[in-house]
Amino acid sequence: MHGGADRNDGTDIAGDSIKIHHNSFCATSVRAIVIRGRPTESADIHHNWFLHTDTNKAVAQTNATGNINIGRNQYTTERTVKD
């Protein structure tokens, strides 16, 4: 999600509401998710499977901080079903 810094409009807004859930991210050579600003409401990232073993290399926020909720994800090369 691109934010205001990318648009050069003087804001750091990256959309209103972002929901990323129930996905499998297999490419470990790049970050799976990058939010490039701050959502006005929230970004909820949950119930995903990342082959990344380092959470900081799986999800990032740039150009601003805040309004991101990350939880109940799996960061492992072995997928196990969890609630």
PDB file of N, CA and C in Angstrom:
ATOM      1  N   MET A   1       0.859  -1.175   0.000  1.00  0.00           N
ATOM      2  CA  MET A   1       0.000   0.000   0.000  1.00  0.00           C
ATOM      3  C   MET A   1       0.892   1.221   0.000  1.00  0.00           C
ATOM      4  N   HIS A   2       0.745   2.064  -0.977  1.00  0.00           N
ATOM      5  CA  HIS A   2       1.559   3.269  -1.095  1.00  0.00           C
ATOM      6  C   HIS A   2       0.994   4.380  -0.221  1.00  0.00           C
ATOM      7  N   GLY A   3       1.886   5.176   0.336  1.00  0.00           N
ATOM      8  CA  GLY A   3       1.489   6.276   1.199  1.00  0.00           C
ATOM      9  C   GLY A   3       1.766   7.623   0.584  1.00  0.00           C
ATOM     10  N   GLY A   4       1.470   8.662   1.350  1.00  0.00           N
ATOM     11  CA  GLY A   4       1.597  10.032   0.885  1.00  0.00           C
ATOM     12  C   GLY A   4       2.990  10.406   0.431  1.00  0.00           C
ATOM     13  N   ALA A   5       4.014   9.877   1.076  1.00  0.00           N
ATOM     14  CA  ALA A   5       5.384  10.198   0.668  1.00  0.00           C
ATOM     15  C   ALA A   5       5.641   9.769  -0.776  1.00  0.00           C
ATOM     16  N   ASP A   6       4.986   8.719  -1.225  1.00  0.00           N
ATOM     17  CA  ASP A   6       5.123   8.269  -2.610  1.00  0.00           C
ATOM     18  C   ASP A   6       4.407   9.203  -3.577  1.00  0.00           C
ATOM     19  N   ARG A   7       3.353   9.856  -3.091  1.00  0.00           N
ATOM     20  CA  ARG A   7       2.556  10.750  -3.937  1.00  0.00           C
ATOM     21  C   ARG A   7       3.039  12.196  -3.856  1.00  0.00           C
ATOM     22  N   ASN A   8       3.958  12.471  -2.934  1.00  0.00           N
ATOM     23  CA  ASN A   8       4.458  13.831  -2.718  1.00  0.00           C
ATOM     24  C   ASN A   8       3.339  14.833  -2.449  1.00  0.00           C
ATOM     25  N   ASP A   9       2.354  14.403  -1.624  1.00  0.00           N
ATOM     26  CA  ASP A   9       1.248  15.305  -1.314  1.00  0.00           C
ATOM     27  C   ASP A   9       1.301  15.838   0.126  1.00  0.00           C
ATOM     28  N   GLY A  10       2.423  15.623   0.810  1.00  0.00           N
ATOM     29  CA  GLY A  10       2.587  16.148   2.156  1.00  0.00           C
ATOM     30  C   GLY A  10       1.910  15.349   3.247  1.00  0.00           C
ATOM     31  N   THR A  11       1.369  14.177   2.916  1.00  0.00           N
ATOM     32  CA  THR A  11       0.722  13.336   3.933  1.00  0.00           C
ATOM     33  C   THR A  11       1.515  12.044   4.101  1.00  0.00           C
ATOM     34  N   ASP A  12       1.122  11.250   5.105  1.00  0.00           N
ATOM     35  CA  ASP A  12       1.698   9.924   5.274  1.00  0.00           C
ATOM     36  C   ASP A  12       0.602   8.855   5.246  1.00  0.00           C
ATOM     37  N   ILE A  13      -0.549   9.200   4.686  1.00  0.00           N
ATOM     38  CA  ILE A  13      -1.703   8.300   4.651  1.00  0.00           C
ATOM     39  C   ILE A  13      -1.467   7.173   3.640  1.00  0.00           C
ATOM     40  N   ALA A  14      -1.746   5.949   4.078  1.00  0.00           N
ATOM     41  CA  ALA A  14      -1.683   4.772   3.205  1.00  0.00           C
ATOM     42  C   ALA A  14      -3.042   4.074   3.261  1.00  0.00           C
ATOM     43  N   GLY A  15      -4.019   4.635   2.615  1.00  0.00           N
ATOM     44  CA  GLY A  15      -5.351   4.048   2.577  1.00  0.00           C
ATOM     45  C   GLY A  15      -6.103   4.249   3.875  1.00  0.00           C
ATOM     46  N   ASP A  16      -7.282   3.662   3.939  1.00  0.00           N
ATOM     47  CA  ASP A  16      -8.124   3.752   5.127  1.00  0.00           C
ATOM     48  C   ASP A  16      -8.036   2.479   5.960  1.00  0.00           C
ATOM     49  N   SER A  17      -8.484   1.371   5.385  1.00  0.00           N
ATOM     50  CA  SER A  17      -8.537   0.099   6.092  1.00  0.00           C
ATOM     51  C   SER A  17      -7.932  -0.979   5.206  1.00  0.00           C
ATOM     52  N   ILE A  18      -6.970  -1.724   5.756  1.00  0.00           N
ATOM     53  CA  ILE A  18      -6.294  -2.787   5.017  1.00  0.00           C
ATOM     54  C   ILE A  18      -6.484  -4.087   5.795  1.00  0.00           C
ATOM     55  N   LYS A  19      -6.900  -5.129   5.116  1.00  0.00           N
ATOM     56  CA  LYS A  19      -7.063  -6.441   5.754  1.00  0.00           C
ATOM     57  C   LYS A  19      -6.308  -7.470   4.924  1.00  0.00           C
ATOM     58  N   ILE A  20      -5.305  -8.092   5.541  1.00  0.00           N
ATOM     59  CA  ILE A  20      -4.511  -9.121   4.878  1.00  0.00           C
ATOM     60  C   ILE A  20      -4.563 -10.354   5.767  1.00  0.00           C
ATOM     61  N   HIS A  21      -5.256 -11.392   5.308  1.00  0.00           N
ATOM     62  CA  HIS A  21      -5.422 -12.586   6.139  1.00  0.00           C
ATOM     63  C   HIS A  21      -5.595 -13.839   5.286  1.00  0.00           C
ATOM     64  N   HIS A  22      -5.238 -14.964   5.877  1.00  0.00           N
ATOM     65  CA  HIS A  22      -5.389 -16.292   5.281  1.00  0.00           C
ATOM     66  C   HIS A  22      -4.666 -16.419   3.937  1.00  0.00           C
ATOM     67  N   ASN A  23      -3.388 -15.988   3.930  1.00  0.00           N
ATOM     68  CA  ASN A  23      -2.544 -16.090   2.748  1.00  0.00           C
ATOM     69  C   ASN A  23      -1.303 -16.916   3.059  1.00  0.00           C
ATOM     70  N   SER A  24      -0.662 -17.408   2.015  1.00  0.00           N
ATOM     71  CA  SER A  24       0.638 -18.073   2.124  1.00  0.00           C
ATOM     72  C   SER A  24       1.653 -17.240   1.356  1.00  0.00           C
ATOM     73  N   PHE A  25       2.745 -16.858   2.023  1.00  0.00           N
ATOM     74  CA  PHE A  25       3.804 -16.062   1.404  1.00  0.00           C
ATOM     75  C   PHE A  25       5.067 -16.909   1.354  1.00  0.00           C
ATOM     76  N   CYS A  26       5.497 -17.260   0.157  1.00  0.00           N
ATOM     77  CA  CYS A  26       6.589 -18.215  -0.002  1.00  0.00           C
ATOM     78  C   CYS A  26       7.913 -17.602  -0.448  1.00  0.00           C
ATOM     79  N   ALA A  27       7.925 -16.412  -1.001  1.00  0.00           N
ATOM     80  CA  ALA A  27       9.157 -15.786  -1.478  1.00  0.00           C
ATOM     81  C   ALA A  27       9.879 -15.135  -0.306  1.00  0.00           C
ATOM     82  N   THR A  28      11.006 -15.694   0.099  1.00  0.00           N
ATOM     83  CA  THR A  28      11.729 -15.174   1.263  1.00  0.00           C
ATOM     84  C   THR A  28      12.822 -14.175   0.889  1.00  0.00           C
ATOM     85  N   SER A  29      13.067 -13.976  -0.389  1.00  0.00           N
ATOM     86  CA  SER A  29      14.117 -13.045  -0.802  1.00  0.00           C
ATOM     87  C   SER A  29      13.656 -11.586  -0.735  1.00  0.00           C
ATOM     88  N   VAL A  30      12.360 -11.368  -0.539  1.00  0.00           N
ATOM     89  CA  VAL A  30      11.784 -10.030  -0.405  1.00  0.00           C
ATOM     90  C   VAL A  30      10.781 -10.040   0.747  1.00  0.00           C
ATOM     91  N   ARG A  31      10.450  -8.853   1.236  1.00  0.00           N
ATOM     92  CA  ARG A  31       9.399  -8.772   2.254  1.00  0.00           C
ATOM     93  C   ARG A  31       8.070  -9.139   1.623  1.00  0.00           C
ATOM     94  N   ALA A  32       7.250  -9.828   2.360  1.00  0.00           N
ATOM     95  CA  ALA A  32       5.944 -10.230   1.848  1.00  0.00           C
ATOM     96  C   ALA A  32       4.979  -9.051   1.832  1.00  0.00           C
ATOM     97  N   ILE A  33       5.031  -8.209   2.859  1.00  0.00           N
ATOM     98  CA  ILE A  33       4.090  -7.099   2.994  1.00  0.00           C
ATOM     99  C   ILE A  33       4.856  -5.840   3.375  1.00  0.00           C
ATOM    100  N   VAL A  34       4.602  -4.753   2.648  1.00  0.00           N
ATOM    101  CA  VAL A  34       5.166  -3.448   2.996  1.00  0.00           C
ATOM    102  C   VAL A  34       4.037  -2.416   2.923  1.00  0.00           C
ATOM    103  N   ILE A  35       3.756  -1.784   4.034  1.00  0.00           N
ATOM    104  CA  ILE A  35       2.786  -0.691   4.093  1.00  0.00           C
ATOM    105  C   ILE A  35       3.612   0.589   4.074  1.00  0.00           C
ATOM    106  N   ARG A  36       3.446   1.403   3.051  1.00  0.00           N
ATOM    107  CA  ARG A  36       4.309   2.573   2.854  1.00  0.00           C
ATOM    108  C   ARG A  36       3.616   3.854   3.316  1.00  0.00           C
ATOM    109  N   GLY A  37       3.252   3.871   4.577  1.00  0.00           N
ATOM    110  CA  GLY A  37       2.574   4.999   5.189  1.00  0.00           C
ATOM    111  C   GLY A  37       1.758   4.492   6.365  1.00  0.00           C
ATOM    112  N   ARG A  38       0.788   5.302   6.841  1.00  0.00           N
ATOM    113  CA  ARG A  38      -0.061   4.914   7.976  1.00  0.00           C
ATOM    114  C   ARG A  38      -1.514   4.921   7.514  1.00  0.00           C
ATOM    115  N   PRO A  39      -2.206   3.779   7.643  1.00  0.00           N
ATOM    116  CA  PRO A  39      -3.631   3.749   7.314  1.00  0.00           C
ATOM    117  C   PRO A  39      -4.406   4.666   8.268  1.00  0.00           C
ATOM    118  N   THR A  40      -5.440   5.327   7.772  1.00  0.00           N
ATOM    119  CA  THR A  40      -6.203   6.221   8.644  1.00  0.00           C
ATOM    120  C   THR A  40      -6.979   5.439   9.705  1.00  0.00           C
ATOM    121  N   GLU A  41      -7.438   4.231   9.372  1.00  0.00           N
ATOM    122  CA  GLU A  41      -8.156   3.396  10.344  1.00  0.00           C
ATOM    123  C   GLU A  41      -7.226   2.325  10.901  1.00  0.00           C
ATOM    124  N   SER A  42      -6.931   1.304  10.099  1.00  0.00           N
ATOM    125  CA  SER A  42      -6.041   0.241  10.562  1.00  0.00           C
ATOM    126  C   SER A  42      -5.628  -0.670   9.413  1.00  0.00           C
ATOM    127  N   ALA A  43      -4.535  -1.377   9.636  1.00  0.00           N
ATOM    128  CA  ALA A  43      -4.111  -2.471   8.773  1.00  0.00           C
ATOM    129  C   ALA A  43      -4.057  -3.700   9.670  1.00  0.00           C
ATOM    130  N   ASP A  44      -4.856  -4.696   9.353  1.00  0.00           N
ATOM    131  CA  ASP A  44      -4.920  -5.924  10.139  1.00  0.00           C
ATOM    132  C   ASP A  44      -4.292  -7.047   9.335  1.00  0.00           C
ATOM    133  N   ILE A  45      -3.218  -7.619   9.881  1.00  0.00           N
ATOM    134  CA  ILE A  45      -2.477  -8.689   9.219  1.00  0.00           C
ATOM    135  C   ILE A  45      -2.507  -9.890  10.150  1.00  0.00           C
ATOM    136  N   HIS A  46      -3.295 -10.902   9.793  1.00  0.00           N
ATOM    137  CA  HIS A  46      -3.479 -12.045  10.697  1.00  0.00           C
ATOM    138  C   HIS A  46      -3.758 -13.337   9.921  1.00  0.00           C
ATOM    139  N   HIS A  47      -3.517 -14.443  10.576  1.00  0.00           N
ATOM    140  CA  HIS A  47      -3.776 -15.786  10.046  1.00  0.00           C
ATOM    141  C   HIS A  47      -3.120 -16.018   8.672  1.00  0.00           C
ATOM    142  N   ASN A  48      -1.880 -15.568   8.532  1.00  0.00           N
ATOM    143  CA  ASN A  48      -1.104 -15.803   7.320  1.00  0.00           C
ATOM    144  C   ASN A  48       0.038 -16.765   7.626  1.00  0.00           C
ATOM    145  N   TRP A  49       0.548 -17.402   6.598  1.00  0.00           N
ATOM    146  CA  TRP A  49       1.713 -18.270   6.736  1.00  0.00           C
ATOM    147  C   TRP A  49       2.851 -17.663   5.932  1.00  0.00           C
ATOM    148  N   PHE A  50       3.938 -17.352   6.620  1.00  0.00           N
ATOM    149  CA  PHE A  50       5.128 -16.785   6.004  1.00  0.00           C
ATOM    150  C   PHE A  50       6.252 -17.810   6.073  1.00  0.00           C
ATOM    151  N   LEU A  51       6.937 -18.051   4.969  1.00  0.00           N
ATOM    152  CA  LEU A  51       8.129 -18.895   5.008  1.00  0.00           C
ATOM    153  C   LEU A  51       9.299 -18.144   5.642  1.00  0.00           C
ATOM    154  N   HIS A  52       9.156 -16.843   5.837  1.00  0.00           N
ATOM    155  CA  HIS A  52      10.175 -16.061   6.530  1.00  0.00           C
ATOM    156  C   HIS A  52      10.243 -16.533   7.983  1.00  0.00           C
ATOM    157  N   THR A  53      11.438 -16.733   8.487  1.00  0.00           N
ATOM    158  CA  THR A  53      11.558 -17.113   9.891  1.00  0.00           C
ATOM    159  C   THR A  53      11.795 -15.894  10.779  1.00  0.00           C
ATOM    160  N   ASP A  54      12.074 -14.752  10.172  1.00  0.00           N
ATOM    161  CA  ASP A  54      12.256 -13.499  10.897  1.00  0.00           C
ATOM    162  C   ASP A  54      11.064 -12.599  10.598  1.00  0.00           C
ATOM    163  N   THR A  55      10.271 -12.279  11.614  1.00  0.00           N
ATOM    164  CA  THR A  55       9.063 -11.484  11.399  1.00  0.00           C
ATOM    165  C   THR A  55       9.367 -10.112  10.802  1.00  0.00           C
ATOM    166  N   ASN A  56      10.507  -9.523  11.145  1.00  0.00           N
ATOM    167  CA  ASN A  56      10.864  -8.209  10.613  1.00  0.00           C
ATOM    168  C   ASN A  56      11.196  -8.244   9.123  1.00  0.00           C
ATOM    169  N   LYS A  57      11.499  -9.422   8.611  1.00  0.00           N
ATOM    170  CA  LYS A  57      11.766  -9.544   7.176  1.00  0.00           C
ATOM    171  C   LYS A  57      10.505  -9.938   6.411  1.00  0.00           C
ATOM    172  N   ALA A  58       9.430 -10.227   7.119  1.00  0.00           N
ATOM    173  CA  ALA A  58       8.175 -10.602   6.479  1.00  0.00           C
ATOM    174  C   ALA A  58       7.261  -9.394   6.281  1.00  0.00           C
ATOM    175  N   VAL A  59       7.164  -8.531   7.296  1.00  0.00           N
ATOM    176  CA  VAL A  59       6.247  -7.390   7.266  1.00  0.00           C
ATOM    177  C   VAL A  59       6.994  -6.131   7.675  1.00  0.00           C
ATOM    178  N   ALA A  60       6.761  -5.037   6.940  1.00  0.00           N
ATOM    179  CA  ALA A  60       7.408  -3.770   7.272  1.00  0.00           C
ATOM    180  C   ALA A  60       6.454  -2.609   7.034  1.00  0.00           C
ATOM    181  N   GLN A  61       6.728  -1.518   7.734  1.00  0.00           N
ATOM    182  CA  GLN A  61       6.023  -0.259   7.503  1.00  0.00           C
ATOM    183  C   GLN A  61       7.081   0.815   7.297  1.00  0.00           C
ATOM    184  N   THR A  62       6.953   1.590   6.220  1.00  0.00           N
ATOM    185  CA  THR A  62       7.913   2.642   5.922  1.00  0.00           C
ATOM    186  C   THR A  62       7.191   3.979   5.797  1.00  0.00           C
ATOM    187  N   ASN A  63       7.941   5.054   5.833  1.00  0.00           N
ATOM    188  CA  ASN A  63       7.449   6.423   5.655  1.00  0.00           C
ATOM    189  C   ASN A  63       6.571   6.929   6.802  1.00  0.00           C
ATOM    190  N   ALA A  64       6.142   6.080   7.705  1.00  0.00           N
ATOM    191  CA  ALA A  64       5.328   6.463   8.861  1.00  0.00           C
ATOM    192  C   ALA A  64       5.183   5.233   9.745  1.00  0.00           C
ATOM    193  N   THR A  65       4.611   5.408  10.911  1.00  0.00           N
ATOM    194  CA  THR A  65       4.347   4.270  11.788  1.00  0.00           C
ATOM    195  C   THR A  65       2.948   4.403  12.381  1.00  0.00           C
ATOM    196  N   GLY A  66       2.390   3.267  12.774  1.00  0.00           N
ATOM    197  CA  GLY A  66       1.128   3.263  13.490  1.00  0.00           C
ATOM    198  C   GLY A  66      -0.031   2.664  12.721  1.00  0.00           C
ATOM    199  N   ASN A  67      -1.059   2.330  13.480  1.00  0.00           N
ATOM    200  CA  ASN A  67      -2.320   1.782  12.984  1.00  0.00           C
ATOM    201  C   ASN A  67      -2.166   0.438  12.269  1.00  0.00           C
ATOM    202  N   ILE A  68      -1.178  -0.354  12.696  1.00  0.00           N
ATOM    203  CA  ILE A  68      -1.015  -1.699  12.142  1.00  0.00           C
ATOM    204  C   ILE A  68      -1.133  -2.717  13.276  1.00  0.00           C
ATOM    205  N   ASN A  69      -1.955  -3.729  13.044  1.00  0.00           N
ATOM    206  CA  ASN A  69      -2.142  -4.823  13.995  1.00  0.00           C
ATOM    207  C   ASN A  69      -1.674  -6.109  13.326  1.00  0.00           C
ATOM    208  N   ILE A  70      -0.659  -6.740  13.928  1.00  0.00           N
ATOM    209  CA  ILE A  70      -0.095  -7.970  13.373  1.00  0.00           C
ATOM    210  C   ILE A  70      -0.202  -9.053  14.436  1.00  0.00           C
ATOM    211  N   GLY A  71      -0.829 -10.178  14.103  1.00  0.00           N
ATOM    212  CA  GLY A  71      -0.935 -11.256  15.073  1.00  0.00           C
ATOM    213  C   GLY A  71      -1.526 -12.516  14.479  1.00  0.00           C
ATOM    214  N   ARG A  72      -1.313 -13.601  15.183  1.00  0.00           N
ATOM    215  CA  ARG A  72      -1.834 -14.916  14.819  1.00  0.00           C
ATOM    216  C   ARG A  72      -1.366 -15.355  13.432  1.00  0.00           C
ATOM    217  N   ASN A  73      -0.113 -14.994  13.099  1.00  0.00           N
ATOM    218  CA  ASN A  73       0.524 -15.439  11.867  1.00  0.00           C
ATOM    219  C   ASN A  73       1.512 -16.541  12.202  1.00  0.00           C
ATOM    220  N   GLN A  74       1.935 -17.265  11.196  1.00  0.00           N
ATOM    221  CA  GLN A  74       2.910 -18.323  11.378  1.00  0.00           C
ATOM    222  C   GLN A  74       4.148 -17.999  10.546  1.00  0.00           C
ATOM    223  N   TYR A  75       5.316 -18.023  11.193  1.00  0.00           N
ATOM    224  CA  TYR A  75       6.592 -17.726  10.537  1.00  0.00           C
ATOM    225  C   TYR A  75       7.470 -18.962  10.661  1.00  0.00           C
ATOM    226  N   THR A  76       7.397 -19.835   9.681  1.00  0.00           N
ATOM    227  CA  THR A  76       8.117 -21.099   9.755  1.00  0.00           C
ATOM    228  C   THR A  76       8.184 -21.756   8.382  1.00  0.00           C
ATOM    229  N   THR A  77       9.159 -22.594   8.187  1.00  0.00           N
ATOM    230  CA  THR A  77       9.236 -23.341   6.930  1.00  0.00           C
ATOM    231  C   THR A  77       8.313 -24.561   6.951  1.00  0.00           C
ATOM    232  N   GLU A  78       7.869 -24.954   8.125  1.00  0.00           N
ATOM    233  CA  GLU A  78       6.959 -26.090   8.264  1.00  0.00           C
ATOM    234  C   GLU A  78       5.562 -25.566   8.575  1.00  0.00           C
ATOM    235  N   ARG A  79       4.645 -25.817   7.685  1.00  0.00           N
ATOM    236  CA  ARG A  79       3.285 -25.318   7.900  1.00  0.00           C
ATOM    237  C   ARG A  79       2.496 -26.289   8.770  1.00  0.00           C
ATOM    238  N   THR A  80       1.963 -25.766   9.848  1.00  0.00           N
ATOM    239  CA  THR A  80       1.066 -26.546  10.689  1.00  0.00           C
ATOM    240  C   THR A  80      -0.221 -25.741  10.849  1.00  0.00           C
ATOM    241  N   VAL A  81      -1.323 -26.404  10.814  1.00  0.00           N
ATOM    242  CA  VAL A  81      -2.595 -25.726  10.913  1.00  0.00           C
ATOM    243  C   VAL A  81      -2.828 -25.312  12.363  1.00  0.00           C
ATOM    244  N   LYS A  82      -3.103 -24.016  12.544  1.00  0.00           N
ATOM    245  CA  LYS A  82      -3.386 -23.491  13.874  1.00  0.00           C
ATOM    246  C   LYS A  82      -4.626 -22.618  13.771  1.00  0.00           C
ATOM    247  N   ASP A  83      -5.303 -22.477  14.875  1.00  0.00           N
ATOM    248  CA  ASP A  83      -6.455 -21.570  14.912  1.00  0.00           C
ATOM    249  C   ASP A  83      -5.962 -20.161  15.148  1.00  0.00           C
TER     250      ASP A  83
END
